[in-house]
Amino acid sequence: MKTSIATIGAERTRELAPEIGRVYKAAFGVPPNSATDEEVALFLDRGLPRHSYRAGFRCCVATLPGGELVGFAYGYTGEFGQYWTDKVAGGLDDATVEAWMPGHFEFVELAVSPEYQGRGVGGNLHDALLEGLPHSRAMLSTVEADTPARRMYLRRGWVELLRGFRFSPDGPPFVIMGLDLAQRS
């Protein structure tokens, strides 16, 4: 079944939070992410609402003809003083930080309901989210495992900036990736 991709504003994103949360749990509740109910609740109660107020916030959603949301992607302008940017900057060498941060587009989340994965929905969301951004660079973190998402990022020109990065000592290893948006356009 064909999906439609739309870019929505911060207010509409907050309105759709329950549907976004449903997709988030379905997509990330399985290995290698294995998000718990507590982590999903944290994403919905703190992460998504807080992020929606950041400068440069942008969200794209994938819906079925009847309006059911089956995927989303969002990000915003990454700046020092934000958790992800500060944490990642602490793991990168000075030259990489200077080349990629701050002012990058932080590609925060991309999730597709499992029954719609492998049909190009994630790639369409990815491309729509990055289309026409004023930023020259984009960055993201993804689990270090060989996942379809990570392979998609590599096919679309993302480069690995750092492997084996951990946001917490007992957390899984991540890879930090960057995309030169100026070269992409």
C-alpha atoms as a PDB file:
ATOM      1  CA  MET A   1       0.000   0.000   0.000  1.00  0.00           C
ATOM      2  CA  LYS A   2       1.346   3.448  -0.953  1.00  0.00           C
ATOM      3  CA  THR A   3       2.252   5.931   1.755  1.00  0.00           C
ATOM      4  CA  SER A   4       2.265   9.716   1.610  1.00  0.00           C
ATOM      5  CA  ILE A   5       5.053  11.781   3.144  1.00  0.00           C
ATOM      6  CA  ALA A   6       4.275  15.174   4.672  1.00  0.00           C
ATOM      7  CA  THR A   7       6.317  17.717   6.589  1.00  0.00           C
ATOM      8  CA  ILE A   8       4.469  18.918   9.678  1.00  0.00           C
ATOM      9  CA  GLY A   9       5.108  21.650  12.210  1.00  0.00           C
ATOM     10  CA  ALA A  10       6.007  21.374  15.874  1.00  0.00           C
ATOM     11  CA  GLU A  11       2.452  21.856  17.123  1.00  0.00           C
ATOM     12  CA  ARG A  12       1.081  19.138  14.832  1.00  0.00           C
ATOM     13  CA  THR A  13       3.938  16.864  15.899  1.00  0.00           C
ATOM     14  CA  ARG A  14       2.912  17.267  19.533  1.00  0.00           C
ATOM     15  CA  GLU A  15      -0.719  16.543  18.595  1.00  0.00           C
ATOM     16  CA  LEU A  16       0.355  13.332  16.866  1.00  0.00           C
ATOM     17  CA  ALA A  17       2.557  12.226  19.789  1.00  0.00           C
ATOM     18  CA  PRO A  18       0.378   9.188  20.687  1.00  0.00           C
ATOM     19  CA  GLU A  19       0.579   7.884  17.100  1.00  0.00           C
ATOM     20  CA  ILE A  20       4.283   8.702  16.887  1.00  0.00           C
ATOM     21  CA  GLY A  21       4.771   6.842  20.179  1.00  0.00           C
ATOM     22  CA  ARG A  22       2.961   3.786  18.807  1.00  0.00           C
ATOM     23  CA  VAL A  23       5.301   3.681  15.793  1.00  0.00           C
ATOM     24  CA  TYR A  24       8.340   4.370  18.000  1.00  0.00           C
ATOM     25  CA  LYS A  25       7.484   1.441  20.297  1.00  0.00           C
ATOM     26  CA  ALA A  26       6.790  -0.930  17.389  1.00  0.00           C
ATOM     27  CA  ALA A  27      10.018  -0.007  15.593  1.00  0.00           C
ATOM     28  CA  PHE A  28      12.380   0.289  18.561  1.00  0.00           C
ATOM     29  CA  GLY A  29      10.827  -2.235  20.951  1.00  0.00           C
ATOM     30  CA  VAL A  30      12.665  -5.083  19.242  1.00  0.00           C
ATOM     31  CA  PRO A  31      16.405  -5.912  19.051  1.00  0.00           C
ATOM     32  CA  PRO A  32      18.854  -4.386  18.556  1.00  0.00           C
ATOM     33  CA  ASN A  33      17.196  -1.362  20.211  1.00  0.00           C
ATOM     34  CA  SER A  34      14.763  -3.175  22.557  1.00  0.00           C
ATOM     35  CA  ALA A  35      13.213   0.029  23.937  1.00  0.00           C
ATOM     36  CA  THR A  36      11.322  -0.623  27.161  1.00  0.00           C
ATOM     37  CA  ASP A  37       7.898   0.810  27.987  1.00  0.00           C
ATOM     38  CA  GLU A  38       9.711   3.211  30.339  1.00  0.00           C
ATOM     39  CA  GLU A  39      11.976   4.423  27.510  1.00  0.00           C
ATOM     40  CA  VAL A  40       8.987   4.895  25.203  1.00  0.00           C
ATOM     41  CA  ALA A  41       7.218   6.897  27.920  1.00  0.00           C
ATOM     42  CA  LEU A  42      10.359   9.007  28.429  1.00  0.00           C
ATOM     43  CA  PHE A  43      10.513   9.703  24.691  1.00  0.00           C
ATOM     44  CA  LEU A  44       6.852  10.793  24.652  1.00  0.00           C
ATOM     45  CA  ASP A  45       6.861  12.731  27.924  1.00  0.00           C
ATOM     46  CA  ARG A  46      10.218  14.491  27.658  1.00  0.00           C
ATOM     47  CA  GLY A  47      12.182  13.835  24.484  1.00  0.00           C
ATOM     48  CA  LEU A  48       9.748  14.597  21.693  1.00  0.00           C
ATOM     49  CA  PRO A  49       8.005  17.562  23.358  1.00  0.00           C
ATOM     50  CA  ARG A  50      11.311  19.197  24.360  1.00  0.00           C
ATOM     51  CA  HIS A  51      12.832  18.634  20.933  1.00  0.00           C
ATOM     52  CA  SER A  52       9.806  20.125  19.166  1.00  0.00           C
ATOM     53  CA  TYR A  53      10.637  23.543  20.654  1.00  0.00           C
ATOM     54  CA  ARG A  54      14.238  23.596  19.423  1.00  0.00           C
ATOM     55  CA  ALA A  55      15.446  25.852  16.643  1.00  0.00           C
ATOM     56  CA  GLY A  56      15.201  24.331  13.194  1.00  0.00           C
ATOM     57  CA  PHE A  57      12.770  21.606  14.309  1.00  0.00           C
ATOM     58  CA  ARG A  58      11.367  19.635  11.398  1.00  0.00           C
ATOM     59  CA  CYS A  59       9.210  16.487  11.343  1.00  0.00           C
ATOM     60  CA  CYS A  60       8.082  14.327   8.448  1.00  0.00           C
ATOM     61  CA  VAL A  61       5.408  11.648   8.711  1.00  0.00           C
ATOM     62  CA  ALA A  62       4.413   8.746   6.490  1.00  0.00           C
ATOM     63  CA  THR A  63       0.703   7.958   6.369  1.00  0.00           C
ATOM     64  CA  LEU A  64      -1.517   5.456   4.609  1.00  0.00           C
ATOM     65  CA  PRO A  65      -4.390   6.658   2.379  1.00  0.00           C
ATOM     66  CA  GLY A  66      -6.783   6.378   5.364  1.00  0.00           C
ATOM     67  CA  GLY A  67      -4.525   8.600   7.460  1.00  0.00           C
ATOM     68  CA  GLU A  68      -2.859   5.966   9.674  1.00  0.00           C
ATOM     69  CA  LEU A  69       0.663   7.067  10.636  1.00  0.00           C
ATOM     70  CA  VAL A  70       3.214   4.346   9.807  1.00  0.00           C
ATOM     71  CA  GLY A  71       6.498   6.257  10.057  1.00  0.00           C
ATOM     72  CA  PHE A  72       8.149   9.464  11.149  1.00  0.00           C
ATOM     73  CA  ALA A  73      11.487  11.242  11.150  1.00  0.00           C
ATOM     74  CA  TYR A  74      12.519  14.425  12.876  1.00  0.00           C
ATOM     75  CA  GLY A  75      15.455  16.595  13.798  1.00  0.00           C
ATOM     76  CA  TYR A  76      16.560  20.114  14.658  1.00  0.00           C
ATOM     77  CA  THR A  77      19.600  22.364  14.785  1.00  0.00           C
ATOM     78  CA  GLY A  78      22.243  20.881  17.067  1.00  0.00           C
ATOM     79  CA  GLU A  79      24.025  23.324  19.352  1.00  0.00           C
ATOM     80  CA  PHE A  80      26.400  23.161  22.281  1.00  0.00           C
ATOM     81  CA  GLY A  81      24.446  23.057  25.516  1.00  0.00           C
ATOM     82  CA  GLN A  82      22.206  20.273  24.202  1.00  0.00           C
ATOM     83  CA  TYR A  83      22.697  16.778  25.614  1.00  0.00           C
ATOM     84  CA  TRP A  84      23.438  14.912  22.365  1.00  0.00           C
ATOM     85  CA  THR A  85      25.766  17.552  20.907  1.00  0.00           C
ATOM     86  CA  ASP A  86      27.729  17.950  24.150  1.00  0.00           C
ATOM     87  CA  LYS A  87      27.951  14.204  24.765  1.00  0.00           C
ATOM     88  CA  VAL A  88      29.076  13.391  21.216  1.00  0.00           C
ATOM     89  CA  ALA A  89      31.500  16.329  21.079  1.00  0.00           C
ATOM     90  CA  GLY A  90      33.189  14.862  24.159  1.00  0.00           C
ATOM     91  CA  GLY A  91      33.895  11.651  22.240  1.00  0.00           C
ATOM     92  CA  LEU A  92      35.151  13.230  19.015  1.00  0.00           C
ATOM     93  CA  ASP A  93      38.584  14.716  18.367  1.00  0.00           C
ATOM     94  CA  ASP A  94      38.847  18.512  18.156  1.00  0.00           C
ATOM     95  CA  ALA A  95      39.206  18.614  14.359  1.00  0.00           C
ATOM     96  CA  THR A  96      36.025  16.578  13.854  1.00  0.00           C
ATOM     97  CA  VAL A  97      34.092  18.745  16.313  1.00  0.00           C
ATOM     98  CA  GLU A  98      35.285  21.874  14.505  1.00  0.00           C
ATOM     99  CA  ALA A  99      34.333  20.452  11.086  1.00  0.00           C
ATOM    100  CA  TRP A 100      30.881  19.147  12.057  1.00  0.00           C
ATOM    101  CA  MET A 101      29.596  21.105  15.083  1.00  0.00           C
ATOM    102  CA  PRO A 102      27.723  23.205  16.125  1.00  0.00           C
ATOM    103  CA  GLY A 103      24.938  24.313  13.824  1.00  0.00           C
ATOM    104  CA  HIS A 104      24.550  20.878  12.272  1.00  0.00           C
ATOM    105  CA  PHE A 105      21.146  19.354  11.634  1.00  0.00           C
ATOM    106  CA  GLU A 106      20.707  16.696  14.287  1.00  0.00           C
ATOM    107  CA  PHE A 107      18.845  13.814  12.644  1.00  0.00           C
ATOM    108  CA  VAL A 108      17.204  12.596  15.846  1.00  0.00           C
ATOM    109  CA  GLU A 109      14.772   9.819  14.979  1.00  0.00           C
ATOM    110  CA  LEU A 110      13.558   7.790  12.049  1.00  0.00           C
ATOM    111  CA  ALA A 111      11.084   4.986  12.721  1.00  0.00           C
ATOM    112  CA  VAL A 112       8.793   2.904  10.535  1.00  0.00           C
ATOM    113  CA  SER A 113       6.204   0.385  11.706  1.00  0.00           C
ATOM    114  CA  PRO A 114       7.692  -3.088  11.188  1.00  0.00           C
ATOM    115  CA  GLU A 115       5.033  -4.156   8.677  1.00  0.00           C
ATOM    116  CA  TYR A 116       6.052  -1.238   6.409  1.00  0.00           C
ATOM    117  CA  GLN A 117       9.806  -1.617   6.731  1.00  0.00           C
ATOM    118  CA  GLY A 118      11.712  -2.668   3.630  1.00  0.00           C
ATOM    119  CA  ARG A 119       9.282  -0.839   1.324  1.00  0.00           C
ATOM    120  CA  GLY A 120      11.181   2.439   0.926  1.00  0.00           C
ATOM    121  CA  VAL A 121       9.212   4.342   3.575  1.00  0.00           C
ATOM    122  CA  GLY A 122      12.302   4.993   5.706  1.00  0.00           C
ATOM    123  CA  GLY A 123      14.290   6.217   2.720  1.00  0.00           C
ATOM    124  CA  ASN A 124      11.472   8.524   1.655  1.00  0.00           C
ATOM    125  CA  LEU A 125      11.209   9.938   5.186  1.00  0.00           C
ATOM    126  CA  HIS A 126      14.985  10.393   5.325  1.00  0.00           C
ATOM    127  CA  ASP A 127      15.086  12.285   2.046  1.00  0.00           C
ATOM    128  CA  ALA A 128      12.060  14.452   2.859  1.00  0.00           C
ATOM    129  CA  LEU A 129      13.497  15.415   6.238  1.00  0.00           C
ATOM    130  CA  LEU A 130      16.795  16.575   4.732  1.00  0.00           C
ATOM    131  CA  GLU A 131      15.368  18.246   1.631  1.00  0.00           C
ATOM    132  CA  GLY A 132      16.081  21.969   1.436  1.00  0.00           C
ATOM    133  CA  LEU A 133      17.673  22.335   4.869  1.00  0.00           C
ATOM    134  CA  PRO A 134      19.772  25.470   5.394  1.00  0.00           C
ATOM    135  CA  HIS A 135      22.415  23.466   7.313  1.00  0.00           C
ATOM    136  CA  SER A 136      25.674  22.424   5.659  1.00  0.00           C
ATOM    137  CA  ARG A 137      26.090  19.285   7.792  1.00  0.00           C
ATOM    138  CA  ALA A 138      23.868  16.681   9.431  1.00  0.00           C
ATOM    139  CA  MET A 139      24.745  14.224  12.183  1.00  0.00           C
ATOM    140  CA  LEU A 140      23.111  11.215  13.804  1.00  0.00           C
ATOM    141  CA  SER A 141      23.782   8.272  16.061  1.00  0.00           C
ATOM    142  CA  THR A 142      22.619   4.739  15.395  1.00  0.00           C
ATOM    143  CA  VAL A 143      23.317   1.417  17.044  1.00  0.00           C
ATOM    144  CA  GLU A 144      26.575  -0.033  15.850  1.00  0.00           C
ATOM    145  CA  ALA A 145      24.909  -3.292  14.756  1.00  0.00           C
ATOM    146  CA  ASP A 146      24.509  -3.997  11.048  1.00  0.00           C
ATOM    147  CA  THR A 147      20.895  -2.869  10.690  1.00  0.00           C
ATOM    148  CA  PRO A 148      18.817  -1.937   7.638  1.00  0.00           C
ATOM    149  CA  ALA A 149      18.747   1.657   8.919  1.00  0.00           C
ATOM    150  CA  ARG A 150      22.523   1.877   9.154  1.00  0.00           C
ATOM    151  CA  ARG A 151      22.924   0.391   5.671  1.00  0.00           C
ATOM    152  CA  MET A 152      20.400   2.925   4.345  1.00  0.00           C
ATOM    153  CA  TYR A 153      22.368   5.810   5.865  1.00  0.00           C
ATOM    154  CA  LEU A 154      25.585   4.544   4.276  1.00  0.00           C
ATOM    155  CA  ARG A 155      23.884   4.181   0.864  1.00  0.00           C
ATOM    156  CA  ARG A 156      22.676   7.777   1.149  1.00  0.00           C
ATOM    157  CA  GLY A 157      26.173   9.152   1.720  1.00  0.00           C
ATOM    158  CA  TRP A 158      26.505   9.255   5.507  1.00  0.00           C
ATOM    159  CA  VAL A 159      30.041   8.615   6.758  1.00  0.00           C
ATOM    160  CA  GLU A 160      31.126   7.109  10.040  1.00  0.00           C
ATOM    161  CA  LEU A 161      32.787   9.681  12.271  1.00  0.00           C
ATOM    162  CA  LEU A 162      33.138   7.514  15.387  1.00  0.00           C
ATOM    163  CA  ARG A 163      32.440   3.881  16.234  1.00  0.00           C
ATOM    164  CA  GLY A 164      31.980   2.258  19.630  1.00  0.00           C
ATOM    165  CA  PHE A 165      30.522   5.402  21.216  1.00  0.00           C
ATOM    166  CA  ARG A 166      28.502   4.819  24.382  1.00  0.00           C
ATOM    167  CA  PHE A 167      26.017   7.299  25.806  1.00  0.00           C
ATOM    168  CA  SER A 168      26.217   5.428  29.115  1.00  0.00           C
ATOM    169  CA  PRO A 169      28.833   2.981  30.428  1.00  0.00           C
ATOM    170  CA  ASP A 170      26.456   0.013  30.337  1.00  0.00           C
ATOM    171  CA  GLY A 171      24.646   1.061  27.145  1.00  0.00           C
ATOM    172  CA  PRO A 172      25.097  -0.416  23.683  1.00  0.00           C
ATOM    173  CA  PRO A 173      27.778   0.869  21.309  1.00  0.00           C
ATOM    174  CA  PHE A 174      26.711   3.442  18.743  1.00  0.00           C
ATOM    175  CA  VAL A 175      28.225   4.810  15.586  1.00  0.00           C
ATOM    176  CA  ILE A 176      28.206   8.587  15.074  1.00  0.00           C
ATOM    177  CA  MET A 177      27.599   9.491  11.447  1.00  0.00           C
ATOM    178  CA  GLY A 178      27.774  12.680   9.435  1.00  0.00           C
ATOM    179  CA  LEU A 179      26.409  13.830   6.090  1.00  0.00           C
ATOM    180  CA  ASP A 180      27.741  16.751   4.082  1.00  0.00           C
ATOM    181  CA  LEU A 181      24.487  18.378   2.972  1.00  0.00           C
ATOM    182  CA  ALA A 182      26.264  20.906   0.741  1.00  0.00           C
ATOM    183  CA  GLN A 183      27.754  18.093  -1.364  1.00  0.00           C
ATOM    184  CA  ARG A 184      24.450  16.194  -1.370  1.00  0.00           C
ATOM    185  CA  SER A 185      22.569  18.990  -3.126  1.00  0.00           C
END
